[in-house]
PDBML (XML) file of the C-alpha atoms, coordinates in Angstrom:
<?xml version="1.0" encoding="UTF-8" ?>
<PDBx:datablock datablockName="MODEL"
   xmlns:PDBx="http://pdbml.pdb.org/schema/pdbx-v50.xsd"
   xmlns:xsi="http://www.w3.org/2001/XMLSchema-instance"
   xsi:schemaLocation="http://pdbml.pdb.org/schema/pdbx-v50.xsd pdbx-v50.xsd">
   <PDBx:atom_siteCategory>
      <PDBx:atom_site id="1">
         <PDBx:B_iso_or_equiv>0.00</PDBx:B_iso_or_equiv>
         <PDBx:Cartn_x>94.515</PDBx:Cartn_x>
         <PDBx:Cartn_y>96.338</PDBx:Cartn_y>
         <PDBx:Cartn_z>82.296</PDBx:Cartn_z>
         <PDBx:auth_asym_id>A</PDBx:auth_asym_id>
         <PDBx:auth_atom_id>CA</PDBx:auth_atom_id>
         <PDBx:auth_comp_id>LEU</PDBx:auth_comp_id>
         <PDBx:auth_seq_id>1</PDBx:auth_seq_id>
         <PDBx:group_PDB>ATOM</PDBx:group_PDB>
         <PDBx:label_alt_id xsi:nil="true" />
         <PDBx:label_asym_id>A</PDBx:label_asym_id>
         <PDBx:label_atom_id>CA</PDBx:label_atom_id>
         <PDBx:label_comp_id>LEU</PDBx:label_comp_id>
         <PDBx:label_entity_id>1</PDBx:label_entity_id>
         <PDBx:label_seq_id>1</PDBx:label_seq_id>
         <PDBx:occupancy>1.00</PDBx:occupancy>
         <PDBx:pdbx_PDB_model_num>1</PDBx:pdbx_PDB_model_num>
         <PDBx:type_symbol>C</PDBx:type_symbol>
      </PDBx:atom_site>
      <PDBx:atom_site id="2">
         <PDBx:B_iso_or_equiv>0.00</PDBx:B_iso_or_equiv>
         <PDBx:Cartn_x>90.882</PDBx:Cartn_x>
         <PDBx:Cartn_y>96.210</PDBx:Cartn_y>
         <PDBx:Cartn_z>82.156</PDBx:Cartn_z>
         <PDBx:auth_asym_id>A</PDBx:auth_asym_id>
         <PDBx:auth_atom_id>CA</PDBx:auth_atom_id>
         <PDBx:auth_comp_id>ASP</PDBx:auth_comp_id>
         <PDBx:auth_seq_id>2</PDBx:auth_seq_id>
         <PDBx:group_PDB>ATOM</PDBx:group_PDB>
         <PDBx:label_alt_id xsi:nil="true" />
         <PDBx:label_asym_id>A</PDBx:label_asym_id>
         <PDBx:label_atom_id>CA</PDBx:label_atom_id>
         <PDBx:label_comp_id>ASP</PDBx:label_comp_id>
         <PDBx:label_entity_id>1</PDBx:label_entity_id>
         <PDBx:label_seq_id>2</PDBx:label_seq_id>
         <PDBx:occupancy>1.00</PDBx:occupancy>
         <PDBx:pdbx_PDB_model_num>1</PDBx:pdbx_PDB_model_num>
         <PDBx:type_symbol>C</PDBx:type_symbol>
      </PDBx:atom_site>
      <PDBx:atom_site id="3">
         <PDBx:B_iso_or_equiv>0.00</PDBx:B_iso_or_equiv>
         <PDBx:Cartn_x>88.565</PDBx:Cartn_x>
         <PDBx:Cartn_y>93.867</PDBx:Cartn_y>
         <PDBx:Cartn_z>85.328</PDBx:Cartn_z>
         <PDBx:auth_asym_id>A</PDBx:auth_asym_id>
         <PDBx:auth_atom_id>CA</PDBx:auth_atom_id>
         <PDBx:auth_comp_id>ALA</PDBx:auth_comp_id>
         <PDBx:auth_seq_id>3</PDBx:auth_seq_id>
         <PDBx:group_PDB>ATOM</PDBx:group_PDB>
         <PDBx:label_alt_id xsi:nil="true" />
         <PDBx:label_asym_id>A</PDBx:label_asym_id>
         <PDBx:label_atom_id>CA</PDBx:label_atom_id>
         <PDBx:label_comp_id>ALA</PDBx:label_comp_id>
         <PDBx:label_entity_id>1</PDBx:label_entity_id>
         <PDBx:label_seq_id>3</PDBx:label_seq_id>
         <PDBx:occupancy>1.00</PDBx:occupancy>
         <PDBx:pdbx_PDB_model_num>1</PDBx:pdbx_PDB_model_num>
         <PDBx:type_symbol>C</PDBx:type_symbol>
      </PDBx:atom_site>
      <PDBx:atom_site id="4">
         <PDBx:B_iso_or_equiv>0.00</PDBx:B_iso_or_equiv>
         <PDBx:Cartn_x>88.044</PDBx:Cartn_x>
         <PDBx:Cartn_y>91.102</PDBx:Cartn_y>
         <PDBx:Cartn_z>84.190</PDBx:Cartn_z>
         <PDBx:auth_asym_id>A</PDBx:auth_asym_id>
         <PDBx:auth_atom_id>CA</PDBx:auth_atom_id>
         <PDBx:auth_comp_id>ASP</PDBx:auth_comp_id>
         <PDBx:auth_seq_id>4</PDBx:auth_seq_id>
         <PDBx:group_PDB>ATOM</PDBx:group_PDB>
         <PDBx:label_alt_id xsi:nil="true" />
         <PDBx:label_asym_id>A</PDBx:label_asym_id>
         <PDBx:label_atom_id>CA</PDBx:label_atom_id>
         <PDBx:label_comp_id>ASP</PDBx:label_comp_id>
         <PDBx:label_entity_id>1</PDBx:label_entity_id>
         <PDBx:label_seq_id>4</PDBx:label_seq_id>
         <PDBx:occupancy>1.00</PDBx:occupancy>
         <PDBx:pdbx_PDB_model_num>1</PDBx:pdbx_PDB_model_num>
         <PDBx:type_symbol>C</PDBx:type_symbol>
      </PDBx:atom_site>
      <PDBx:atom_site id="5">
         <PDBx:B_iso_or_equiv>0.00</PDBx:B_iso_or_equiv>
         <PDBx:Cartn_x>92.462</PDBx:Cartn_x>
         <PDBx:Cartn_y>91.041</PDBx:Cartn_y>
         <PDBx:Cartn_z>83.059</PDBx:Cartn_z>
         <PDBx:auth_asym_id>A</PDBx:auth_asym_id>
         <PDBx:auth_atom_id>CA</PDBx:auth_atom_id>
         <PDBx:auth_comp_id>GLU</PDBx:auth_comp_id>
         <PDBx:auth_seq_id>5</PDBx:auth_seq_id>
         <PDBx:group_PDB>ATOM</PDBx:group_PDB>
         <PDBx:label_alt_id xsi:nil="true" />
         <PDBx:label_asym_id>A</PDBx:label_asym_id>
         <PDBx:label_atom_id>CA</PDBx:label_atom_id>
         <PDBx:label_comp_id>GLU</PDBx:label_comp_id>
         <PDBx:label_entity_id>1</PDBx:label_entity_id>
         <PDBx:label_seq_id>5</PDBx:label_seq_id>
         <PDBx:occupancy>1.00</PDBx:occupancy>
         <PDBx:pdbx_PDB_model_num>1</PDBx:pdbx_PDB_model_num>
         <PDBx:type_symbol>C</PDBx:type_symbol>
      </PDBx:atom_site>
      <PDBx:atom_site id="6">
         <PDBx:B_iso_or_equiv>0.00</PDBx:B_iso_or_equiv>
         <PDBx:Cartn_x>93.276</PDBx:Cartn_x>
         <PDBx:Cartn_y>91.477</PDBx:Cartn_y>
         <PDBx:Cartn_z>86.808</PDBx:Cartn_z>
         <PDBx:auth_asym_id>A</PDBx:auth_asym_id>
         <PDBx:auth_atom_id>CA</PDBx:auth_atom_id>
         <PDBx:auth_comp_id>MET</PDBx:auth_comp_id>
         <PDBx:auth_seq_id>6</PDBx:auth_seq_id>
         <PDBx:group_PDB>ATOM</PDBx:group_PDB>
         <PDBx:label_alt_id xsi:nil="true" />
         <PDBx:label_asym_id>A</PDBx:label_asym_id>
         <PDBx:label_atom_id>CA</PDBx:label_atom_id>
         <PDBx:label_comp_id>MET</PDBx:label_comp_id>
         <PDBx:label_entity_id>1</PDBx:label_entity_id>
         <PDBx:label_seq_id>6</PDBx:label_seq_id>
         <PDBx:occupancy>1.00</PDBx:occupancy>
         <PDBx:pdbx_PDB_model_num>1</PDBx:pdbx_PDB_model_num>
         <PDBx:type_symbol>C</PDBx:type_symbol>
      </PDBx:atom_site>
      <PDBx:atom_site id="7">
         <PDBx:B_iso_or_equiv>0.00</PDBx:B_iso_or_equiv>
         <PDBx:Cartn_x>90.451</PDBx:Cartn_x>
         <PDBx:Cartn_y>88.595</PDBx:Cartn_y>
         <PDBx:Cartn_z>87.505</PDBx:Cartn_z>
         <PDBx:auth_asym_id>A</PDBx:auth_asym_id>
         <PDBx:auth_atom_id>CA</PDBx:auth_atom_id>
         <PDBx:auth_comp_id>ARG</PDBx:auth_comp_id>
         <PDBx:auth_seq_id>7</PDBx:auth_seq_id>
         <PDBx:group_PDB>ATOM</PDBx:group_PDB>
         <PDBx:label_alt_id xsi:nil="true" />
         <PDBx:label_asym_id>A</PDBx:label_asym_id>
         <PDBx:label_atom_id>CA</PDBx:label_atom_id>
         <PDBx:label_comp_id>ARG</PDBx:label_comp_id>
         <PDBx:label_entity_id>1</PDBx:label_entity_id>
         <PDBx:label_seq_id>7</PDBx:label_seq_id>
         <PDBx:occupancy>1.00</PDBx:occupancy>
         <PDBx:pdbx_PDB_model_num>1</PDBx:pdbx_PDB_model_num>
         <PDBx:type_symbol>C</PDBx:type_symbol>
      </PDBx:atom_site>
      <PDBx:atom_site id="8">
         <PDBx:B_iso_or_equiv>0.00</PDBx:B_iso_or_equiv>
         <PDBx:Cartn_x>92.199</PDBx:Cartn_x>
         <PDBx:Cartn_y>86.376</PDBx:Cartn_y>
         <PDBx:Cartn_z>84.564</PDBx:Cartn_z>
         <PDBx:auth_asym_id>A</PDBx:auth_asym_id>
         <PDBx:auth_atom_id>CA</PDBx:auth_atom_id>
         <PDBx:auth_comp_id>GLY</PDBx:auth_comp_id>
         <PDBx:auth_seq_id>8</PDBx:auth_seq_id>
         <PDBx:group_PDB>ATOM</PDBx:group_PDB>
         <PDBx:label_alt_id xsi:nil="true" />
         <PDBx:label_asym_id>A</PDBx:label_asym_id>
         <PDBx:label_atom_id>CA</PDBx:label_atom_id>
         <PDBx:label_comp_id>GLY</PDBx:label_comp_id>
         <PDBx:label_entity_id>1</PDBx:label_entity_id>
         <PDBx:label_seq_id>8</PDBx:label_seq_id>
         <PDBx:occupancy>1.00</PDBx:occupancy>
         <PDBx:pdbx_PDB_model_num>1</PDBx:pdbx_PDB_model_num>
         <PDBx:type_symbol>C</PDBx:type_symbol>
      </PDBx:atom_site>
      <PDBx:atom_site id="9">
         <PDBx:B_iso_or_equiv>0.00</PDBx:B_iso_or_equiv>
         <PDBx:Cartn_x>95.132</PDBx:Cartn_x>
         <PDBx:Cartn_y>86.419</PDBx:Cartn_y>
         <PDBx:Cartn_z>86.303</PDBx:Cartn_z>
         <PDBx:auth_asym_id>A</PDBx:auth_asym_id>
         <PDBx:auth_atom_id>CA</PDBx:auth_atom_id>
         <PDBx:auth_comp_id>HIS</PDBx:auth_comp_id>
         <PDBx:auth_seq_id>9</PDBx:auth_seq_id>
         <PDBx:group_PDB>ATOM</PDBx:group_PDB>
         <PDBx:label_alt_id xsi:nil="true" />
         <PDBx:label_asym_id>A</PDBx:label_asym_id>
         <PDBx:label_atom_id>CA</PDBx:label_atom_id>
         <PDBx:label_comp_id>HIS</PDBx:label_comp_id>
         <PDBx:label_entity_id>1</PDBx:label_entity_id>
         <PDBx:label_seq_id>9</PDBx:label_seq_id>
         <PDBx:occupancy>1.00</PDBx:occupancy>
         <PDBx:pdbx_PDB_model_num>1</PDBx:pdbx_PDB_model_num>
         <PDBx:type_symbol>C</PDBx:type_symbol>
      </PDBx:atom_site>
      <PDBx:atom_site id="10">
         <PDBx:B_iso_or_equiv>0.00</PDBx:B_iso_or_equiv>
         <PDBx:Cartn_x>93.729</PDBx:Cartn_x>
         <PDBx:Cartn_y>85.568</PDBx:Cartn_y>
         <PDBx:Cartn_z>89.478</PDBx:Cartn_z>
         <PDBx:auth_asym_id>A</PDBx:auth_asym_id>
         <PDBx:auth_atom_id>CA</PDBx:auth_atom_id>
         <PDBx:auth_comp_id>GLY</PDBx:auth_comp_id>
         <PDBx:auth_seq_id>10</PDBx:auth_seq_id>
         <PDBx:group_PDB>ATOM</PDBx:group_PDB>
         <PDBx:label_alt_id xsi:nil="true" />
         <PDBx:label_asym_id>A</PDBx:label_asym_id>
         <PDBx:label_atom_id>CA</PDBx:label_atom_id>
         <PDBx:label_comp_id>GLY</PDBx:label_comp_id>
         <PDBx:label_entity_id>1</PDBx:label_entity_id>
         <PDBx:label_seq_id>10</PDBx:label_seq_id>
         <PDBx:occupancy>1.00</PDBx:occupancy>
         <PDBx:pdbx_PDB_model_num>1</PDBx:pdbx_PDB_model_num>
         <PDBx:type_symbol>C</PDBx:type_symbol>
      </PDBx:atom_site>
      <PDBx:atom_site id="11">
         <PDBx:B_iso_or_equiv>0.00</PDBx:B_iso_or_equiv>
         <PDBx:Cartn_x>93.714</PDBx:Cartn_x>
         <PDBx:Cartn_y>88.752</PDBx:Cartn_y>
         <PDBx:Cartn_z>90.939</PDBx:Cartn_z>
         <PDBx:auth_asym_id>A</PDBx:auth_asym_id>
         <PDBx:auth_atom_id>CA</PDBx:auth_atom_id>
         <PDBx:auth_comp_id>HIS</PDBx:auth_comp_id>
         <PDBx:auth_seq_id>11</PDBx:auth_seq_id>
         <PDBx:group_PDB>ATOM</PDBx:group_PDB>
         <PDBx:label_alt_id xsi:nil="true" />
         <PDBx:label_asym_id>A</PDBx:label_asym_id>
         <PDBx:label_atom_id>CA</PDBx:label_atom_id>
         <PDBx:label_comp_id>HIS</PDBx:label_comp_id>
         <PDBx:label_entity_id>1</PDBx:label_entity_id>
         <PDBx:label_seq_id>11</PDBx:label_seq_id>
         <PDBx:occupancy>1.00</PDBx:occupancy>
         <PDBx:pdbx_PDB_model_num>1</PDBx:pdbx_PDB_model_num>
         <PDBx:type_symbol>C</PDBx:type_symbol>
      </PDBx:atom_site>
      <PDBx:atom_site id="12">
         <PDBx:B_iso_or_equiv>0.00</PDBx:B_iso_or_equiv>
         <PDBx:Cartn_x>91.079</PDBx:Cartn_x>
         <PDBx:Cartn_y>91.037</PDBx:Cartn_y>
         <PDBx:Cartn_z>93.011</PDBx:Cartn_z>
         <PDBx:auth_asym_id>A</PDBx:auth_asym_id>
         <PDBx:auth_atom_id>CA</PDBx:auth_atom_id>
         <PDBx:auth_comp_id>ASP</PDBx:auth_comp_id>
         <PDBx:auth_seq_id>12</PDBx:auth_seq_id>
         <PDBx:group_PDB>ATOM</PDBx:group_PDB>
         <PDBx:label_alt_id xsi:nil="true" />
         <PDBx:label_asym_id>A</PDBx:label_asym_id>
         <PDBx:label_atom_id>CA</PDBx:label_atom_id>
         <PDBx:label_comp_id>ASP</PDBx:label_comp_id>
         <PDBx:label_entity_id>1</PDBx:label_entity_id>
         <PDBx:label_seq_id>12</PDBx:label_seq_id>
         <PDBx:occupancy>1.00</PDBx:occupancy>
         <PDBx:pdbx_PDB_model_num>1</PDBx:pdbx_PDB_model_num>
         <PDBx:type_symbol>C</PDBx:type_symbol>
      </PDBx:atom_site>
      <PDBx:atom_site id="13">
         <PDBx:B_iso_or_equiv>0.00</PDBx:B_iso_or_equiv>
         <PDBx:Cartn_x>90.269</PDBx:Cartn_x>
         <PDBx:Cartn_y>94.781</PDBx:Cartn_y>
         <PDBx:Cartn_z>91.879</PDBx:Cartn_z>
         <PDBx:auth_asym_id>A</PDBx:auth_asym_id>
         <PDBx:auth_atom_id>CA</PDBx:auth_atom_id>
         <PDBx:auth_comp_id>PRO</PDBx:auth_comp_id>
         <PDBx:auth_seq_id>13</PDBx:auth_seq_id>
         <PDBx:group_PDB>ATOM</PDBx:group_PDB>
         <PDBx:label_alt_id xsi:nil="true" />
         <PDBx:label_asym_id>A</PDBx:label_asym_id>
         <PDBx:label_atom_id>CA</PDBx:label_atom_id>
         <PDBx:label_comp_id>PRO</PDBx:label_comp_id>
         <PDBx:label_entity_id>1</PDBx:label_entity_id>
         <PDBx:label_seq_id>13</PDBx:label_seq_id>
         <PDBx:occupancy>1.00</PDBx:occupancy>
         <PDBx:pdbx_PDB_model_num>1</PDBx:pdbx_PDB_model_num>
         <PDBx:type_symbol>C</PDBx:type_symbol>
      </PDBx:atom_site>
      <PDBx:atom_site id="14">
         <PDBx:B_iso_or_equiv>0.00</PDBx:B_iso_or_equiv>
         <PDBx:Cartn_x>89.391</PDBx:Cartn_x>
         <PDBx:Cartn_y>96.363</PDBx:Cartn_y>
         <PDBx:Cartn_z>94.531</PDBx:Cartn_z>
         <PDBx:auth_asym_id>A</PDBx:auth_asym_id>
         <PDBx:auth_atom_id>CA</PDBx:auth_atom_id>
         <PDBx:auth_comp_id>GLU</PDBx:auth_comp_id>
         <PDBx:auth_seq_id>14</PDBx:auth_seq_id>
         <PDBx:group_PDB>ATOM</PDBx:group_PDB>
         <PDBx:label_alt_id xsi:nil="true" />
         <PDBx:label_asym_id>A</PDBx:label_asym_id>
         <PDBx:label_atom_id>CA</PDBx:label_atom_id>
         <PDBx:label_comp_id>GLU</PDBx:label_comp_id>
         <PDBx:label_entity_id>1</PDBx:label_entity_id>
         <PDBx:label_seq_id>14</PDBx:label_seq_id>
         <PDBx:occupancy>1.00</PDBx:occupancy>
         <PDBx:pdbx_PDB_model_num>1</PDBx:pdbx_PDB_model_num>
         <PDBx:type_symbol>C</PDBx:type_symbol>
      </PDBx:atom_site>
      <PDBx:atom_site id="15">
         <PDBx:B_iso_or_equiv>0.00</PDBx:B_iso_or_equiv>
         <PDBx:Cartn_x>93.725</PDBx:Cartn_x>
         <PDBx:Cartn_y>96.082</PDBx:Cartn_y>
         <PDBx:Cartn_z>96.420</PDBx:Cartn_z>
         <PDBx:auth_asym_id>A</PDBx:auth_asym_id>
         <PDBx:auth_atom_id>CA</PDBx:auth_atom_id>
         <PDBx:auth_comp_id>ASP</PDBx:auth_comp_id>
         <PDBx:auth_seq_id>15</PDBx:auth_seq_id>
         <PDBx:group_PDB>ATOM</PDBx:group_PDB>
         <PDBx:label_alt_id xsi:nil="true" />
         <PDBx:label_asym_id>A</PDBx:label_asym_id>
         <PDBx:label_atom_id>CA</PDBx:label_atom_id>
         <PDBx:label_comp_id>ASP</PDBx:label_comp_id>
         <PDBx:label_entity_id>1</PDBx:label_entity_id>
         <PDBx:label_seq_id>15</PDBx:label_seq_id>
         <PDBx:occupancy>1.00</PDBx:occupancy>
         <PDBx:pdbx_PDB_model_num>1</PDBx:pdbx_PDB_model_num>
         <PDBx:type_symbol>C</PDBx:type_symbol>
      </PDBx:atom_site>
      <PDBx:atom_site id="16">
         <PDBx:B_iso_or_equiv>0.00</PDBx:B_iso_or_equiv>
         <PDBx:Cartn_x>93.215</PDBx:Cartn_x>
         <PDBx:Cartn_y>99.256</PDBx:Cartn_y>
         <PDBx:Cartn_z>97.714</PDBx:Cartn_z>
         <PDBx:auth_asym_id>A</PDBx:auth_asym_id>
         <PDBx:auth_atom_id>CA</PDBx:auth_atom_id>
         <PDBx:auth_comp_id>PRO</PDBx:auth_comp_id>
         <PDBx:auth_seq_id>16</PDBx:auth_seq_id>
         <PDBx:group_PDB>ATOM</PDBx:group_PDB>
         <PDBx:label_alt_id xsi:nil="true" />
         <PDBx:label_asym_id>A</PDBx:label_asym_id>
         <PDBx:label_atom_id>CA</PDBx:label_atom_id>
         <PDBx:label_comp_id>PRO</PDBx:label_comp_id>
         <PDBx:label_entity_id>1</PDBx:label_entity_id>
         <PDBx:label_seq_id>16</PDBx:label_seq_id>
         <PDBx:occupancy>1.00</PDBx:occupancy>
         <PDBx:pdbx_PDB_model_num>1</PDBx:pdbx_PDB_model_num>
         <PDBx:type_symbol>C</PDBx:type_symbol>
      </PDBx:atom_site>
      <PDBx:atom_site id="17">
         <PDBx:B_iso_or_equiv>0.00</PDBx:B_iso_or_equiv>
         <PDBx:Cartn_x>96.882</PDBx:Cartn_x>
         <PDBx:Cartn_y>99.008</PDBx:Cartn_y>
         <PDBx:Cartn_z>97.442</PDBx:Cartn_z>
         <PDBx:auth_asym_id>A</PDBx:auth_asym_id>
         <PDBx:auth_atom_id>CA</PDBx:auth_atom_id>
         <PDBx:auth_comp_id>ASP</PDBx:auth_comp_id>
         <PDBx:auth_seq_id>17</PDBx:auth_seq_id>
         <PDBx:group_PDB>ATOM</PDBx:group_PDB>
         <PDBx:label_alt_id xsi:nil="true" />
         <PDBx:label_asym_id>A</PDBx:label_asym_id>
         <PDBx:label_atom_id>CA</PDBx:label_atom_id>
         <PDBx:label_comp_id>ASP</PDBx:label_comp_id>
         <PDBx:label_entity_id>1</PDBx:label_entity_id>
         <PDBx:label_seq_id>17</PDBx:label_seq_id>
         <PDBx:occupancy>1.00</PDBx:occupancy>
         <PDBx:pdbx_PDB_model_num>1</PDBx:pdbx_PDB_model_num>
         <PDBx:type_symbol>C</PDBx:type_symbol>
      </PDBx:atom_site>
      <PDBx:atom_site id="18">
         <PDBx:B_iso_or_equiv>0.00</PDBx:B_iso_or_equiv>
         <PDBx:Cartn_x>96.780</PDBx:Cartn_x>
         <PDBx:Cartn_y>99.034</PDBx:Cartn_y>
         <PDBx:Cartn_z>93.204</PDBx:Cartn_z>
         <PDBx:auth_asym_id>A</PDBx:auth_asym_id>
         <PDBx:auth_atom_id>CA</PDBx:auth_atom_id>
         <PDBx:auth_comp_id>LEU</PDBx:auth_comp_id>
         <PDBx:auth_seq_id>18</PDBx:auth_seq_id>
         <PDBx:group_PDB>ATOM</PDBx:group_PDB>
         <PDBx:label_alt_id xsi:nil="true" />
         <PDBx:label_asym_id>A</PDBx:label_asym_id>
         <PDBx:label_atom_id>CA</PDBx:label_atom_id>
         <PDBx:label_comp_id>LEU</PDBx:label_comp_id>
         <PDBx:label_entity_id>1</PDBx:label_entity_id>
         <PDBx:label_seq_id>18</PDBx:label_seq_id>
         <PDBx:occupancy>1.00</PDBx:occupancy>
         <PDBx:pdbx_PDB_model_num>1</PDBx:pdbx_PDB_model_num>
         <PDBx:type_symbol>C</PDBx:type_symbol>
      </PDBx:atom_site>
      <PDBx:atom_site id="19">
         <PDBx:B_iso_or_equiv>0.00</PDBx:B_iso_or_equiv>
         <PDBx:Cartn_x>96.340</PDBx:Cartn_x>
         <PDBx:Cartn_y>102.325</PDBx:Cartn_y>
         <PDBx:Cartn_z>90.711</PDBx:Cartn_z>
         <PDBx:auth_asym_id>A</PDBx:auth_asym_id>
         <PDBx:auth_atom_id>CA</PDBx:auth_atom_id>
         <PDBx:auth_comp_id>ILE</PDBx:auth_comp_id>
         <PDBx:auth_seq_id>19</PDBx:auth_seq_id>
         <PDBx:group_PDB>ATOM</PDBx:group_PDB>
         <PDBx:label_alt_id xsi:nil="true" />
         <PDBx:label_asym_id>A</PDBx:label_asym_id>
         <PDBx:label_atom_id>CA</PDBx:label_atom_id>
         <PDBx:label_comp_id>ILE</PDBx:label_comp_id>
         <PDBx:label_entity_id>1</PDBx:label_entity_id>
         <PDBx:label_seq_id>19</PDBx:label_seq_id>
         <PDBx:occupancy>1.00</PDBx:occupancy>
         <PDBx:pdbx_PDB_model_num>1</PDBx:pdbx_PDB_model_num>
         <PDBx:type_symbol>C</PDBx:type_symbol>
      </PDBx:atom_site>
      <PDBx:atom_site id="20">
         <PDBx:B_iso_or_equiv>0.00</PDBx:B_iso_or_equiv>
         <PDBx:Cartn_x>92.751</PDBx:Cartn_x>
         <PDBx:Cartn_y>102.050</PDBx:Cartn_y>
         <PDBx:Cartn_z>89.830</PDBx:Cartn_z>
         <PDBx:auth_asym_id>A</PDBx:auth_asym_id>
         <PDBx:auth_atom_id>CA</PDBx:auth_atom_id>
         <PDBx:auth_comp_id>ARG</PDBx:auth_comp_id>
         <PDBx:auth_seq_id>20</PDBx:auth_seq_id>
         <PDBx:group_PDB>ATOM</PDBx:group_PDB>
         <PDBx:label_alt_id xsi:nil="true" />
         <PDBx:label_asym_id>A</PDBx:label_asym_id>
         <PDBx:label_atom_id>CA</PDBx:label_atom_id>
         <PDBx:label_comp_id>ARG</PDBx:label_comp_id>
         <PDBx:label_entity_id>1</PDBx:label_entity_id>
         <PDBx:label_seq_id>20</PDBx:label_seq_id>
         <PDBx:occupancy>1.00</PDBx:occupancy>
         <PDBx:pdbx_PDB_model_num>1</PDBx:pdbx_PDB_model_num>
         <PDBx:type_symbol>C</PDBx:type_symbol>
      </PDBx:atom_site>
      <PDBx:atom_site id="21">
         <PDBx:B_iso_or_equiv>0.00</PDBx:B_iso_or_equiv>
         <PDBx:Cartn_x>91.716</PDBx:Cartn_x>
         <PDBx:Cartn_y>105.532</PDBx:Cartn_y>
         <PDBx:Cartn_z>87.137</PDBx:Cartn_z>
         <PDBx:auth_asym_id>A</PDBx:auth_asym_id>
         <PDBx:auth_atom_id>CA</PDBx:auth_atom_id>
         <PDBx:auth_comp_id>LEU</PDBx:auth_comp_id>
         <PDBx:auth_seq_id>21</PDBx:auth_seq_id>
         <PDBx:group_PDB>ATOM</PDBx:group_PDB>
         <PDBx:label_alt_id xsi:nil="true" />
         <PDBx:label_asym_id>A</PDBx:label_asym_id>
         <PDBx:label_atom_id>CA</PDBx:label_atom_id>
         <PDBx:label_comp_id>LEU</PDBx:label_comp_id>
         <PDBx:label_entity_id>1</PDBx:label_entity_id>
         <PDBx:label_seq_id>21</PDBx:label_seq_id>
         <PDBx:occupancy>1.00</PDBx:occupancy>
         <PDBx:pdbx_PDB_model_num>1</PDBx:pdbx_PDB_model_num>
         <PDBx:type_symbol>C</PDBx:type_symbol>
      </PDBx:atom_site>
      <PDBx:atom_site id="22">
         <PDBx:B_iso_or_equiv>0.00</PDBx:B_iso_or_equiv>
         <PDBx:Cartn_x>88.824</PDBx:Cartn_x>
         <PDBx:Cartn_y>105.739</PDBx:Cartn_y>
         <PDBx:Cartn_z>85.631</PDBx:Cartn_z>
         <PDBx:auth_asym_id>A</PDBx:auth_asym_id>
         <PDBx:auth_atom_id>CA</PDBx:auth_atom_id>
         <PDBx:auth_comp_id>ASP</PDBx:auth_comp_id>
         <PDBx:auth_seq_id>22</PDBx:auth_seq_id>
         <PDBx:group_PDB>ATOM</PDBx:group_PDB>
         <PDBx:label_alt_id xsi:nil="true" />
         <PDBx:label_asym_id>A</PDBx:label_asym_id>
         <PDBx:label_atom_id>CA</PDBx:label_atom_id>
         <PDBx:label_comp_id>ASP</PDBx:label_comp_id>
         <PDBx:label_entity_id>1</PDBx:label_entity_id>
         <PDBx:label_seq_id>22</PDBx:label_seq_id>
         <PDBx:occupancy>1.00</PDBx:occupancy>
         <PDBx:pdbx_PDB_model_num>1</PDBx:pdbx_PDB_model_num>
         <PDBx:type_symbol>C</PDBx:type_symbol>
      </PDBx:atom_site>
      <PDBx:atom_site id="23">
         <PDBx:B_iso_or_equiv>0.00</PDBx:B_iso_or_equiv>
         <PDBx:Cartn_x>89.685</PDBx:Cartn_x>
         <PDBx:Cartn_y>106.568</PDBx:Cartn_y>
         <PDBx:Cartn_z>81.769</PDBx:Cartn_z>
         <PDBx:auth_asym_id>A</PDBx:auth_asym_id>
         <PDBx:auth_atom_id>CA</PDBx:auth_atom_id>
         <PDBx:auth_comp_id>ILE</PDBx:auth_comp_id>
         <PDBx:auth_seq_id>23</PDBx:auth_seq_id>
         <PDBx:group_PDB>ATOM</PDBx:group_PDB>
         <PDBx:label_alt_id xsi:nil="true" />
         <PDBx:label_asym_id>A</PDBx:label_asym_id>
         <PDBx:label_atom_id>CA</PDBx:label_atom_id>
         <PDBx:label_comp_id>ILE</PDBx:label_comp_id>
         <PDBx:label_entity_id>1</PDBx:label_entity_id>
         <PDBx:label_seq_id>23</PDBx:label_seq_id>
         <PDBx:occupancy>1.00</PDBx:occupancy>
         <PDBx:pdbx_PDB_model_num>1</PDBx:pdbx_PDB_model_num>
         <PDBx:type_symbol>C</PDBx:type_symbol>
      </PDBx:atom_site>
      <PDBx:atom_site id="24">
         <PDBx:B_iso_or_equiv>0.00</PDBx:B_iso_or_equiv>
         <PDBx:Cartn_x>86.617</PDBx:Cartn_x>
         <PDBx:Cartn_y>107.403</PDBx:Cartn_y>
         <PDBx:Cartn_z>79.536</PDBx:Cartn_z>
         <PDBx:auth_asym_id>A</PDBx:auth_asym_id>
         <PDBx:auth_atom_id>CA</PDBx:auth_atom_id>
         <PDBx:auth_comp_id>ASP</PDBx:auth_comp_id>
         <PDBx:auth_seq_id>24</PDBx:auth_seq_id>
         <PDBx:group_PDB>ATOM</PDBx:group_PDB>
         <PDBx:label_alt_id xsi:nil="true" />
         <PDBx:label_asym_id>A</PDBx:label_asym_id>
         <PDBx:label_atom_id>CA</PDBx:label_atom_id>
         <PDBx:label_comp_id>ASP</PDBx:label_comp_id>
         <PDBx:label_entity_id>1</PDBx:label_entity_id>
         <PDBx:label_seq_id>24</PDBx:label_seq_id>
         <PDBx:occupancy>1.00</PDBx:occupancy>
         <PDBx:pdbx_PDB_model_num>1</PDBx:pdbx_PDB_model_num>
         <PDBx:type_symbol>C</PDBx:type_symbol>
      </PDBx:atom_site>
      <PDBx:atom_site id="25">
         <PDBx:B_iso_or_equiv>0.00</PDBx:B_iso_or_equiv>
         <PDBx:Cartn_x>84.376</PDBx:Cartn_x>
         <PDBx:Cartn_y>106.360</PDBx:Cartn_y>
         <PDBx:Cartn_z>81.631</PDBx:Cartn_z>
         <PDBx:auth_asym_id>A</PDBx:auth_asym_id>
         <PDBx:auth_atom_id>CA</PDBx:auth_atom_id>
         <PDBx:auth_comp_id>GLY</PDBx:auth_comp_id>
         <PDBx:auth_seq_id>25</PDBx:auth_seq_id>
         <PDBx:group_PDB>ATOM</PDBx:group_PDB>
         <PDBx:label_alt_id xsi:nil="true" />
         <PDBx:label_asym_id>A</PDBx:label_asym_id>
         <PDBx:label_atom_id>CA</PDBx:label_atom_id>
         <PDBx:label_comp_id>GLY</PDBx:label_comp_id>
         <PDBx:label_entity_id>1</PDBx:label_entity_id>
         <PDBx:label_seq_id>25</PDBx:label_seq_id>
         <PDBx:occupancy>1.00</PDBx:occupancy>
         <PDBx:pdbx_PDB_model_num>1</PDBx:pdbx_PDB_model_num>
         <PDBx:type_symbol>C</PDBx:type_symbol>
      </PDBx:atom_site>
   </PDBx:atom_siteCategory>
</PDBx:datablock>
């Protein structure tokens, strides 16, 4: 998912308990 999809589901993209990866910038 990207940040817009996260927000679209009502979730915080900054959630520290989720894996966040930089992929192709």
